[in-house]
Amino acid sequence: NQALEDALAVLDKIAVSIDVDDRTTMLGLVKTCIGTKFTSQFGN
């Protein structure tokens, strides 16, 4: 539990905020998260 608290603190430290209205950034993000999936071969 101590390790979990410290891990979440590290997450807060390295997290980066982004602009939700910037479509290219958002697309890049969603693409990364489904890059591990079967449909990643169909691009965007």
PDB file of all heavy atoms in Angstrom:
ATOM      1  N   ASN A   1       0.828  -1.211   0.000  1.00  0.00           N
ATOM      2  CA  ASN A   1       0.000   0.000   0.000  1.00  0.00           C
ATOM      3  C   ASN A   1       0.863   1.261   0.000  1.00  0.00           C
ATOM      4  O   ASN A   1       0.536   2.249  -0.644  1.00  0.00           O
ATOM      5  CB  ASN A   1      -0.949  -0.001   1.202  1.00  0.00           C
ATOM      6  CG  ASN A   1      -2.106  -0.966   0.978  1.00  0.00           C
ATOM      7  OD1 ASN A   1      -2.563  -1.129  -0.154  1.00  0.00           O
ATOM      8  ND2 ASN A   1      -2.560  -1.633   2.012  1.00  0.00           N
ATOM      9  N   GLN A   2       1.970   1.181   0.742  1.00  0.00           N
ATOM     10  CA  GLN A   2       2.908   2.311   0.755  1.00  0.00           C
ATOM     11  C   GLN A   2       3.475   2.517  -0.662  1.00  0.00           C
ATOM     12  O   GLN A   2       3.558   3.638  -1.165  1.00  0.00           O
ATOM     13  CB  GLN A   2       4.050   2.007   1.755  1.00  0.00           C
ATOM     14  CG  GLN A   2       5.083   3.111   1.915  1.00  0.00           C
ATOM     15  CD  GLN A   2       4.459   4.425   2.372  1.00  0.00           C
ATOM     16  OE1 GLN A   2       3.684   4.436   3.328  1.00  0.00           O
ATOM     17  NE2 GLN A   2       4.756   5.521   1.674  1.00  0.00           N
ATOM     18  N   ALA A   3       3.815   1.382  -1.311  1.00  0.00           N
ATOM     19  CA  ALA A   3       4.365   1.442  -2.671  1.00  0.00           C
ATOM     20  C   ALA A   3       3.334   2.040  -3.631  1.00  0.00           C
ATOM     21  O   ALA A   3       3.673   2.825  -4.517  1.00  0.00           O
ATOM     22  CB  ALA A   3       4.760   0.043  -3.133  1.00  0.00           C
ATOM     23  N   LEU A   4       2.056   1.699  -3.434  1.00  0.00           N
ATOM     24  CA  LEU A   4       0.995   2.217  -4.311  1.00  0.00           C
ATOM     25  C   LEU A   4       0.891   3.735  -4.183  1.00  0.00           C
ATOM     26  O   LEU A   4       0.822   4.454  -5.185  1.00  0.00           O
ATOM     27  CB  LEU A   4      -0.345   1.564  -3.958  1.00  0.00           C
ATOM     28  CG  LEU A   4      -1.581   2.115  -4.664  1.00  0.00           C
ATOM     29  CD1 LEU A   4      -1.460   1.951  -6.172  1.00  0.00           C
ATOM     30  CD2 LEU A   4      -2.860   1.431  -4.189  1.00  0.00           C
ATOM     31  N   GLU A   5       0.918   4.231  -2.923  1.00  0.00           N
ATOM     32  CA  GLU A   5       0.844   5.690  -2.708  1.00  0.00           C
ATOM     33  C   GLU A   5       1.991   6.389  -3.414  1.00  0.00           C
ATOM     34  O   GLU A   5       1.809   7.398  -4.100  1.00  0.00           O
ATOM     35  CB  GLU A   5       0.897   6.002  -1.211  1.00  0.00           C
ATOM     36  CG  GLU A   5      -0.465   5.893  -0.531  1.00  0.00           C
ATOM     37  CD  GLU A   5      -0.363   6.122   0.971  1.00  0.00           C
ATOM     38  OE1 GLU A   5       0.463   6.961   1.399  1.00  0.00           O
ATOM     39  OE2 GLU A   5      -1.096   5.450   1.717  1.00  0.00           O
ATOM     40  N   ASP A   6       3.200   5.837  -3.233  1.00  0.00           N
ATOM     41  CA  ASP A   6       4.375   6.470  -3.844  1.00  0.00           C
ATOM     42  C   ASP A   6       4.309   6.385  -5.377  1.00  0.00           C
ATOM     43  O   ASP A   6       4.720   7.302  -6.075  1.00  0.00           O
ATOM     44  CB  ASP A   6       5.661   5.809  -3.331  1.00  0.00           C
ATOM     45  CG  ASP A   6       5.840   6.065  -1.835  1.00  0.00           C
ATOM     46  OD1 ASP A   6       5.175   6.985  -1.310  1.00  0.00           O
ATOM     47  OD2 ASP A   6       6.624   5.335  -1.188  1.00  0.00           O
ATOM     48  N   ALA A   7       3.772   5.257  -5.890  1.00  0.00           N
ATOM     49  CA  ALA A   7       3.679   5.091  -7.348  1.00  0.00           C
ATOM     50  C   ALA A   7       2.730   6.135  -7.939  1.00  0.00           C
ATOM     51  O   ALA A   7       3.016   6.731  -8.975  1.00  0.00           O
ATOM     52  CB  ALA A   7       3.183   3.683  -7.678  1.00  0.00           C
ATOM     53  N   LEU A   8       1.605   6.389  -7.246  1.00  0.00           N
ATOM     54  CA  LEU A   8       0.649   7.381  -7.755  1.00  0.00           C
ATOM     55  C   LEU A   8       1.257   8.785  -7.696  1.00  0.00           C
ATOM     56  O   LEU A   8       0.990   9.625  -8.555  1.00  0.00           O
ATOM     57  CB  LEU A   8      -0.656   7.326  -6.944  1.00  0.00           C
ATOM     58  CG  LEU A   8      -1.467   6.031  -7.146  1.00  0.00           C
ATOM     59  CD1 LEU A   8      -2.669   5.996  -6.225  1.00  0.00           C
ATOM     60  CD2 LEU A   8      -1.923   5.868  -8.581  1.00  0.00           C
ATOM     61  N   ALA A   9       2.094   9.019  -6.681  1.00  0.00           N
ATOM     62  CA  ALA A   9       2.771  10.321  -6.583  1.00  0.00           C
ATOM     63  C   ALA A   9       3.716  10.507  -7.775  1.00  0.00           C
ATOM     64  O   ALA A   9       3.806  11.598  -8.353  1.00  0.00           O
ATOM     65  CB  ALA A   9       3.542  10.404  -5.272  1.00  0.00           C
ATOM     66  N   VAL A  10       4.411   9.413  -8.153  1.00  0.00           N
ATOM     67  CA  VAL A  10       5.319   9.482  -9.311  1.00  0.00           C
ATOM     68  C   VAL A  10       4.515   9.771 -10.582  1.00  0.00           C
ATOM     69  O   VAL A  10       4.912  10.585 -11.418  1.00  0.00           O
ATOM     70  CB  VAL A  10       6.102   8.151  -9.474  1.00  0.00           C
ATOM     71  CG1 VAL A  10       6.949   8.186 -10.745  1.00  0.00           C
ATOM     72  CG2 VAL A  10       6.980   7.891  -8.271  1.00  0.00           C
ATOM     73  N   LEU A  11       3.343   9.113 -10.702  1.00  0.00           N
ATOM     74  CA  LEU A  11       2.484   9.338 -11.877  1.00  0.00           C
ATOM     75  C   LEU A  11       2.124  10.817 -11.994  1.00  0.00           C
ATOM     76  O   LEU A  11       2.180  11.398 -13.073  1.00  0.00           O
ATOM     77  CB  LEU A  11       1.188   8.540 -11.748  1.00  0.00           C
ATOM     78  CG  LEU A  11       1.163   7.094 -12.236  1.00  0.00           C
ATOM     79  CD1 LEU A  11      -0.252   6.558 -12.197  1.00  0.00           C
ATOM     80  CD2 LEU A  11       1.686   6.979 -13.652  1.00  0.00           C
ATOM     81  N   ASP A  12       1.736  11.406 -10.856  1.00  0.00           N
ATOM     82  CA  ASP A  12       1.360  12.829 -10.859  1.00  0.00           C
ATOM     83  C   ASP A  12       2.515  13.690 -11.342  1.00  0.00           C
ATOM     84  O   ASP A  12       2.323  14.686 -12.039  1.00  0.00           O
ATOM     85  CB  ASP A  12       0.952  13.280  -9.437  1.00  0.00           C
ATOM     86  CG  ASP A  12      -0.482  12.849  -9.135  1.00  0.00           C
ATOM     87  OD1 ASP A  12      -1.282  12.817 -10.077  1.00  0.00           O
ATOM     88  OD2 ASP A  12      -0.783  12.528  -7.976  1.00  0.00           O
ATOM     89  N   LYS A  13       3.728  13.273 -10.945  1.00  0.00           N
ATOM     90  CA  LYS A  13       4.904  14.082 -11.258  1.00  0.00           C
ATOM     91  C   LYS A  13       5.230  14.057 -12.754  1.00  0.00           C
ATOM     92  O   LYS A  13       5.594  15.072 -13.336  1.00  0.00           O
ATOM     93  CB  LYS A  13       6.104  13.558 -10.452  1.00  0.00           C
ATOM     94  CG  LYS A  13       7.113  14.651 -10.101  1.00  0.00           C
ATOM     95  CD  LYS A  13       8.064  14.212  -9.012  1.00  0.00           C
ATOM     96  CE  LYS A  13       9.133  13.283  -9.571  1.00  0.00           C
ATOM     97  NZ  LYS A  13      10.049  12.771  -8.538  1.00  0.00           N
ATOM     98  N   ILE A  14       5.060  12.862 -13.373  1.00  0.00           N
ATOM     99  CA  ILE A  14       5.472  12.773 -14.787  1.00  0.00           C
ATOM    100  C   ILE A  14       4.316  13.019 -15.756  1.00  0.00           C
ATOM    101  O   ILE A  14       4.507  13.012 -16.960  1.00  0.00           O
ATOM    102  CB  ILE A  14       6.144  11.418 -15.119  1.00  0.00           C
ATOM    103  CG1 ILE A  14       5.203  10.247 -14.808  1.00  0.00           C
ATOM    104  CG2 ILE A  14       7.455  11.250 -14.403  1.00  0.00           C
ATOM    105  CD1 ILE A  14       5.717   8.912 -15.305  1.00  0.00           C
ATOM    106  N   ALA A  15       3.092  13.217 -15.218  1.00  0.00           N
ATOM    107  CA  ALA A  15       1.936  13.409 -16.109  1.00  0.00           C
ATOM    108  C   ALA A  15       2.030  14.741 -16.845  1.00  0.00           C
ATOM    109  O   ALA A  15       2.542  15.724 -16.312  1.00  0.00           O
ATOM    110  CB  ALA A  15       0.651  13.349 -15.304  1.00  0.00           C
ATOM    111  N   VAL A  16       1.542  14.744 -18.080  1.00  0.00           N
ATOM    112  CA  VAL A  16       1.574  15.947 -18.914  1.00  0.00           C
ATOM    113  C   VAL A  16       0.144  16.293 -19.299  1.00  0.00           C
ATOM    114  O   VAL A  16      -0.616  15.416 -19.698  1.00  0.00           O
ATOM    115  CB  VAL A  16       2.369  15.659 -20.216  1.00  0.00           C
ATOM    116  CG1 VAL A  16       2.407  16.892 -21.098  1.00  0.00           C
ATOM    117  CG2 VAL A  16       3.754  15.179 -19.885  1.00  0.00           C
ATOM    118  N   SER A  17      -0.212  17.570 -19.179  1.00  0.00           N
ATOM    119  CA  SER A  17      -1.582  17.962 -19.578  1.00  0.00           C
ATOM    120  C   SER A  17      -1.598  18.273 -21.070  1.00  0.00           C
ATOM    121  O   SER A  17      -0.607  18.735 -21.627  1.00  0.00           O
ATOM    122  CB  SER A  17      -2.014  19.206 -18.808  1.00  0.00           C
ATOM    123  OG  SER A  17      -2.146  18.868 -17.454  1.00  0.00           O
ATOM    124  N   ILE A  18      -2.758  18.025 -21.702  1.00  0.00           N
ATOM    125  CA  ILE A  18      -2.856  18.329 -23.134  1.00  0.00           C
ATOM    126  C   ILE A  18      -4.142  19.087 -23.427  1.00  0.00           C
ATOM    127  O   ILE A  18      -5.036  19.157 -22.603  1.00  0.00           O
ATOM    128  CB  ILE A  18      -2.838  17.054 -23.997  1.00  0.00           C
ATOM    129  CG1 ILE A  18      -3.937  16.091 -23.517  1.00  0.00           C
ATOM    130  CG2 ILE A  18      -1.513  16.411 -24.041  1.00  0.00           C
ATOM    131  CD1 ILE A  18      -4.499  15.270 -24.613  1.00  0.00           C
ATOM    132  N   ASP A  19      -4.199  19.601 -24.650  1.00  0.00           N
ATOM    133  CA  ASP A  19      -5.374  20.349 -25.075  1.00  0.00           C
ATOM    134  C   ASP A  19      -6.331  19.380 -25.785  1.00  0.00           C
ATOM    135  O   ASP A  19      -5.979  18.769 -26.795  1.00  0.00           O
ATOM    136  CB  ASP A  19      -4.929  21.472 -26.043  1.00  0.00           C
ATOM    137  CG  ASP A  19      -6.130  22.204 -26.618  1.00  0.00           C
ATOM    138  OD1 ASP A  19      -7.202  22.116 -25.998  1.00  0.00           O
ATOM    139  OD2 ASP A  19      -5.991  22.858 -27.664  1.00  0.00           O
ATOM    140  N   VAL A  20      -7.524  19.242 -25.227  1.00  0.00           N
ATOM    141  CA  VAL A  20      -8.492  18.268 -25.762  1.00  0.00           C
ATOM    142  C   VAL A  20      -8.979  18.656 -27.152  1.00  0.00           C
ATOM    143  O   VAL A  20      -9.382  17.807 -27.949  1.00  0.00           O
ATOM    144  CB  VAL A  20      -9.705  18.172 -24.798  1.00  0.00           C
ATOM    145  CG1 VAL A  20     -10.663  17.088 -25.246  1.00  0.00           C
ATOM    146  CG2 VAL A  20      -9.227  17.859 -23.399  1.00  0.00           C
ATOM    147  N   ASP A  21      -8.948  19.940 -27.460  1.00  0.00           N
ATOM    148  CA  ASP A  21      -9.483  20.390 -28.755  1.00  0.00           C
ATOM    149  C   ASP A  21      -8.500  20.193 -29.904  1.00  0.00           C
ATOM    150  O   ASP A  21      -8.849  20.384 -31.064  1.00  0.00           O
ATOM    151  CB  ASP A  21      -9.879  21.871 -28.670  1.00  0.00           C
ATOM    152  CG  ASP A  21     -10.939  22.088 -27.596  1.00  0.00           C
ATOM    153  OD1 ASP A  21     -11.784  21.189 -27.443  1.00  0.00           O
ATOM    154  OD2 ASP A  21     -10.901  23.121 -26.902  1.00  0.00           O
ATOM    155  N   ASP A  22      -7.255  19.825 -29.571  1.00  0.00           N
ATOM    156  CA  ASP A  22      -6.259  19.621 -30.631  1.00  0.00           C
ATOM    157  C   ASP A  22      -6.435  18.216 -31.212  1.00  0.00           C
ATOM    158  O   ASP A  22      -6.042  17.226 -30.609  1.00  0.00           O
ATOM    159  CB  ASP A  22      -4.854  19.794 -30.026  1.00  0.00           C
ATOM    160  CG  ASP A  22      -3.778  19.576 -31.076  1.00  0.00           C
ATOM    161  OD1 ASP A  22      -4.140  19.352 -32.244  1.00  0.00           O
ATOM    162  OD2 ASP A  22      -2.583  19.633 -30.726  1.00  0.00           O
ATOM    163  N   ARG A  23      -7.034  18.152 -32.403  1.00  0.00           N
ATOM    164  CA  ARG A  23      -7.436  16.848 -32.940  1.00  0.00           C
ATOM    165  C   ARG A  23      -6.254  15.924 -33.237  1.00  0.00           C
ATOM    166  O   ARG A  23      -6.321  14.724 -32.986  1.00  0.00           O
ATOM    167  CB  ARG A  23      -8.276  17.060 -34.199  1.00  0.00           C
ATOM    168  CG  ARG A  23      -8.920  15.756 -34.641  1.00  0.00           C
ATOM    169  CD  ARG A  23      -9.874  15.914 -35.787  1.00  0.00           C
ATOM    170  NE  ARG A  23     -10.194  14.605 -36.308  1.00  0.00           N
ATOM    171  CZ  ARG A  23     -11.212  13.862 -35.917  1.00  0.00           C
ATOM    172  NH1 ARG A  23     -12.005  14.293 -34.975  1.00  0.00           N
ATOM    173  NH2 ARG A  23     -11.448  12.675 -36.442  1.00  0.00           N
ATOM    174  N   THR A  24      -5.150  16.500 -33.742  1.00  0.00           N
ATOM    175  CA  THR A  24      -4.018  15.630 -34.104  1.00  0.00           C
ATOM    176  C   THR A  24      -3.445  14.933 -32.867  1.00  0.00           C
ATOM    177  O   THR A  24      -3.152  13.744 -32.899  1.00  0.00           O
ATOM    178  CB  THR A  24      -2.895  16.428 -34.800  1.00  0.00           C
ATOM    179  OG1 THR A  24      -3.080  17.811 -34.505  1.00  0.00           O
ATOM    180  CG2 THR A  24      -2.900  16.225 -36.291  1.00  0.00           C
ATOM    181  N   THR A  25      -3.307  15.696 -31.775  1.00  0.00           N
ATOM    182  CA  THR A  25      -2.771  15.091 -30.537  1.00  0.00           C
ATOM    183  C   THR A  25      -3.710  13.991 -30.066  1.00  0.00           C
ATOM    184  O   THR A  25      -3.273  12.888 -29.716  1.00  0.00           O
ATOM    185  CB  THR A  25      -2.657  16.154 -29.415  1.00  0.00           C
ATOM    186  OG1 THR A  25      -2.173  17.352 -29.979  1.00  0.00           O
ATOM    187  CG2 THR A  25      -1.765  15.692 -28.300  1.00  0.00           C
ATOM    188  N   MET A  26      -5.014  14.311 -30.054  1.00  0.00           N
ATOM    189  CA  MET A  26      -5.994  13.333 -29.574  1.00  0.00           C
ATOM    190  C   MET A  26      -5.973  12.063 -30.425  1.00  0.00           C
ATOM    191  O   MET A  26      -6.010  10.952 -29.901  1.00  0.00           O
ATOM    192  CB  MET A  26      -7.407  13.938 -29.615  1.00  0.00           C
ATOM    193  CG  MET A  26      -7.656  15.014 -28.598  1.00  0.00           C
ATOM    194  SD  MET A  26      -7.800  14.367 -26.938  1.00  0.00           S
ATOM    195  CE  MET A  26      -9.434  13.690 -26.942  1.00  0.00           C
ATOM    196  N   LEU A  27      -5.859  12.273 -31.758  1.00  0.00           N
ATOM    197  CA  LEU A  27      -5.820  11.112 -32.649  1.00  0.00           C
ATOM    198  C   LEU A  27      -4.607  10.243 -32.354  1.00  0.00           C
ATOM    199  O   LEU A  27      -4.705   9.014 -32.273  1.00  0.00           O
ATOM    200  CB  LEU A  27      -5.744  11.571 -34.105  1.00  0.00           C
ATOM    201  CG  LEU A  27      -7.058  11.601 -34.875  1.00  0.00           C
ATOM    202  CD1 LEU A  27      -6.833  12.079 -36.286  1.00  0.00           C
ATOM    203  CD2 LEU A  27      -7.703  10.232 -34.894  1.00  0.00           C
ATOM    204  N   GLY A  28      -3.462  10.918 -32.163  1.00  0.00           N
ATOM    205  CA  GLY A  28      -2.226  10.192 -31.854  1.00  0.00           C
ATOM    206  C   GLY A  28      -2.394   9.350 -30.612  1.00  0.00           C
ATOM    207  O   GLY A  28      -1.946   8.196 -30.535  1.00  0.00           O
ATOM    208  N   LEU A  29      -3.078   9.934 -29.618  1.00  0.00           N
ATOM    209  CA  LEU A  29      -3.277   9.249 -28.345  1.00  0.00           C
ATOM    210  C   LEU A  29      -4.124   8.012 -28.480  1.00  0.00           C
ATOM    211  O   LEU A  29      -3.776   6.939 -28.012  1.00  0.00           O
ATOM    212  CB  LEU A  29      -4.060  10.195 -27.413  1.00  0.00           C
ATOM    213  CG  LEU A  29      -3.143  11.073 -26.635  1.00  0.00           C
ATOM    214  CD1 LEU A  29      -3.937  12.135 -25.956  1.00  0.00           C
ATOM    215  CD2 LEU A  29      -2.473  10.215 -25.624  1.00  0.00           C
ATOM    216  N   VAL A  30      -5.274   8.203 -29.150  1.00  0.00           N
ATOM    217  CA  VAL A  30      -6.193   7.070 -29.293  1.00  0.00           C
ATOM    218  C   VAL A  30      -5.508   5.984 -30.115  1.00  0.00           C
ATOM    219  O   VAL A  30      -5.640   4.793 -29.844  1.00  0.00           O
ATOM    220  CB  VAL A  30      -7.513   7.526 -29.959  1.00  0.00           C
ATOM    221  CG1 VAL A  30      -8.446   6.353 -30.150  1.00  0.00           C
ATOM    222  CG2 VAL A  30      -8.195   8.583 -29.108  1.00  0.00           C
ATOM    223  N   LYS A  31      -4.709   6.429 -31.110  1.00  0.00           N
ATOM    224  CA  LYS A  31      -4.008   5.450 -31.956  1.00  0.00           C
ATOM    225  C   LYS A  31      -3.033   4.606 -31.146  1.00  0.00           C
ATOM    226  O   LYS A  31      -2.902   3.414 -31.346  1.00  0.00           O
ATOM    227  CB  LYS A  31      -3.246   6.172 -33.072  1.00  0.00           C
ATOM    228  CG  LYS A  31      -3.978   6.133 -34.382  1.00  0.00           C
ATOM    229  CD  LYS A  31      -3.186   6.755 -35.480  1.00  0.00           C
ATOM    230  CE  LYS A  31      -2.095   5.834 -35.971  1.00  0.00           C
ATOM    231  NZ  LYS A  31      -1.328   6.445 -37.052  1.00  0.00           N
ATOM    232  N   THR A  32      -2.328   5.262 -30.205  1.00  0.00           N
ATOM    233  CA  THR A  32      -1.365   4.509 -29.385  1.00  0.00           C
ATOM    234  C   THR A  32      -2.090   3.442 -28.594  1.00  0.00           C
ATOM    235  O   THR A  32      -1.625   2.315 -28.484  1.00  0.00           O
ATOM    236  CB  THR A  32      -0.718   5.425 -28.326  1.00  0.00           C
ATOM    237  OG1 THR A  32      -0.466   6.671 -28.911  1.00  0.00           O
ATOM    238  CG2 THR A  32       0.533   4.851 -27.769  1.00  0.00           C
ATOM    239  N   CYS A  33      -3.235   3.836 -28.033  1.00  0.00           N
ATOM    240  CA  CYS A  33      -3.917   2.907 -27.145  1.00  0.00           C
ATOM    241  C   CYS A  33      -4.500   1.731 -27.907  1.00  0.00           C
ATOM    242  O   CYS A  33      -4.653   0.660 -27.358  1.00  0.00           O
ATOM    243  CB  CYS A  33      -5.014   3.625 -26.380  1.00  0.00           C
ATOM    244  SG  CYS A  33      -4.319   4.892 -25.345  1.00  0.00           S
ATOM    245  N   ILE A  34      -4.835   1.934 -29.198  1.00  0.00           N
ATOM    246  CA  ILE A  34      -5.341   0.773 -29.940  1.00  0.00           C
ATOM    247  C   ILE A  34      -4.274   0.227 -30.870  1.00  0.00           C
ATOM    248  O   ILE A  34      -4.538  -0.636 -31.687  1.00  0.00           O
ATOM    249  CB  ILE A  34      -6.624   1.110 -30.722  1.00  0.00           C
ATOM    250  CG1 ILE A  34      -6.376   2.253 -31.697  1.00  0.00           C
ATOM    251  CG2 ILE A  34      -7.769   1.418 -29.809  1.00  0.00           C
ATOM    252  CD1 ILE A  34      -7.387   2.302 -32.788  1.00  0.00           C
ATOM    253  N   GLY A  35      -3.042   0.738 -30.727  1.00  0.00           N
ATOM    254  CA  GLY A  35      -1.938   0.227 -31.540  1.00  0.00           C
ATOM    255  C   GLY A  35      -1.672  -1.226 -31.210  1.00  0.00           C
ATOM    256  O   GLY A  35      -1.092  -1.969 -32.001  1.00  0.00           O
ATOM    257  N   THR A  36      -2.092  -1.665 -30.010  1.00  0.00           N
ATOM    258  CA  THR A  36      -1.842  -3.051 -29.601  1.00  0.00           C
ATOM    259  C   THR A  36      -2.927  -3.968 -30.127  1.00  0.00           C
ATOM    260  O   THR A  36      -2.872  -5.160 -29.947  1.00  0.00           O
ATOM    261  CB  THR A  36      -1.848  -3.139 -28.068  1.00  0.00           C
ATOM    262  OG1 THR A  36      -3.157  -2.762 -27.616  1.00  0.00           O
ATOM    263  CG2 THR A  36      -0.848  -2.225 -27.463  1.00  0.00           C
ATOM    264  N   LYS A  37      -3.933  -3.394 -30.781  1.00  0.00           N
ATOM    265  CA  LYS A  37      -5.093  -4.204 -31.167  1.00  0.00           C
ATOM    266  C   LYS A  37      -4.977  -4.676 -32.618  1.00  0.00           C
ATOM    267  O   LYS A  37      -4.191  -4.175 -33.397  1.00  0.00           O
ATOM    268  CB  LYS A  37      -6.390  -3.387 -31.034  1.00  0.00           C
ATOM    269  CG  LYS A  37      -6.573  -2.734 -29.685  1.00  0.00           C
ATOM    270  CD  LYS A  37      -6.989  -3.738 -28.647  1.00  0.00           C
ATOM    271  CE  LYS A  37      -7.194  -3.055 -27.321  1.00  0.00           C
ATOM    272  NZ  LYS A  37      -6.927  -3.895 -26.200  1.00  0.00           N
ATOM    273  N   PHE A  38      -5.869  -5.578 -32.940  1.00  0.00           N
ATOM    274  CA  PHE A  38      -5.893  -6.181 -34.270  1.00  0.00           C
ATOM    275  C   PHE A  38      -6.139  -5.137 -35.359  1.00  0.00           C
ATOM    276  O   PHE A  38      -5.588  -5.202 -36.440  1.00  0.00           O
ATOM    277  CB  PHE A  38      -7.003  -7.231 -34.266  1.00  0.00           C
ATOM    278  CG  PHE A  38      -7.383  -7.732 -35.625  1.00  0.00           C
ATOM    279  CD1 PHE A  38      -6.543  -8.588 -36.317  1.00  0.00           C
ATOM    280  CD2 PHE A  38      -8.577  -7.348 -36.215  1.00  0.00           C
ATOM    281  CE1 PHE A  38      -6.902  -9.042 -37.559  1.00  0.00           C
ATOM    282  CE2 PHE A  38      -8.927  -7.802 -37.465  1.00  0.00           C
ATOM    283  CZ  PHE A  38      -8.084  -8.655 -38.136  1.00  0.00           C
ATOM    284  N   THR A  39      -6.973  -4.123 -35.074  1.00  0.00           N
ATOM    285  CA  THR A  39      -7.364  -3.183 -36.127  1.00  0.00           C
ATOM    286  C   THR A  39      -6.302  -2.123 -36.388  1.00  0.00           C
ATOM    287  O   THR A  39      -6.499  -1.270 -37.235  1.00  0.00           O
ATOM    288  CB  THR A  39      -8.656  -2.442 -35.741  1.00  0.00           C
ATOM    289  OG1 THR A  39      -8.531  -2.019 -34.402  1.00  0.00           O
ATOM    290  CG2 THR A  39      -9.850  -3.324 -35.878  1.00  0.00           C
ATOM    291  N   SER A  40      -5.175  -2.176 -35.672  1.00  0.00           N
ATOM    292  CA  SER A  40      -4.150  -1.145 -35.885  1.00  0.00           C
ATOM    293  C   SER A  40      -3.653  -1.171 -37.330  1.00  0.00           C
ATOM    294  O   SER A  40      -3.127  -0.183 -37.823  1.00  0.00           O
ATOM    295  CB  SER A  40      -2.985  -1.351 -34.922  1.00  0.00           C
ATOM    296  OG  SER A  40      -2.473  -2.652 -35.065  1.00  0.00           O
ATOM    297  N   GLN A  41      -3.864  -2.314 -38.025  1.00  0.00           N
ATOM    298  CA  GLN A  41      -3.388  -2.407 -39.417  1.00  0.00           C
ATOM    299  C   GLN A  41      -4.211  -1.528 -40.357  1.00  0.00           C
ATOM    300  O   GLN A  41      -3.828  -1.296 -41.484  1.00  0.00           O
ATOM    301  CB  GLN A  41      -3.423  -3.857 -39.886  1.00  0.00           C
ATOM    302  CG  GLN A  41      -4.811  -4.457 -39.857  1.00  0.00           C
ATOM    303  CD  GLN A  41      -4.765  -5.980 -39.870  1.00  0.00           C
ATOM    304  OE1 GLN A  41      -3.855  -6.571 -39.352  1.00  0.00           O
ATOM    305  NE2 GLN A  41      -5.750  -6.606 -40.460  1.00  0.00           N
ATOM    306  N   PHE A  42      -5.356  -1.034 -39.879  1.00  0.00           N
ATOM    307  CA  PHE A  42      -6.178  -0.189 -40.747  1.00  0.00           C
ATOM    308  C   PHE A  42      -5.907   1.290 -40.513  1.00  0.00           C
ATOM    309  O   PHE A  42      -6.750   2.136 -40.788  1.00  0.00           O
ATOM    310  CB  PHE A  42      -7.668  -0.493 -40.538  1.00  0.00           C
ATOM    311  CG  PHE A  42      -8.012  -1.912 -40.836  1.00  0.00           C
ATOM    312  CD1 PHE A  42      -8.349  -2.787 -39.809  1.00  0.00           C
ATOM    313  CD2 PHE A  42      -7.974  -2.404 -42.137  1.00  0.00           C
ATOM    314  CE1 PHE A  42      -8.657  -4.111 -40.088  1.00  0.00           C
ATOM    315  CE2 PHE A  42      -8.279  -3.726 -42.408  1.00  0.00           C
ATOM    316  CZ  PHE A  42      -8.618  -4.582 -41.382  1.00  0.00           C
ATOM    317  N   GLY A  43      -4.751   1.584 -39.939  1.00  0.00           N
ATOM    318  CA  GLY A  43      -4.341   2.989 -39.772  1.00  0.00           C
ATOM    319  C   GLY A  43      -5.264   3.767 -38.859  1.00  0.00           C
ATOM    320  O   GLY A  43      -5.665   3.301 -37.799  1.00  0.00           O
ATOM    321  N   ASN A  44      -5.619   4.970 -39.309  1.00  0.00           N
ATOM    322  CA  ASN A  44      -6.348   5.892 -38.436  1.00  0.00           C
ATOM    323  C   ASN A  44      -7.836   5.631 -38.345  1.00  0.00           C
ATOM    324  O   ASN A  44      -8.538   6.325 -37.622  1.00  0.00           O
ATOM    325  CB  ASN A  44      -6.198   7.338 -38.958  1.00  0.00           C
ATOM    326  CG  ASN A  44      -4.764   7.788 -38.856  1.00  0.00           C
ATOM    327  OD1 ASN A  44      -3.954   7.103 -38.234  1.00  0.00           O
ATOM    328  ND2 ASN A  44      -4.440   8.904 -39.456  1.00  0.00           N
TER     329      ASN A  44
END
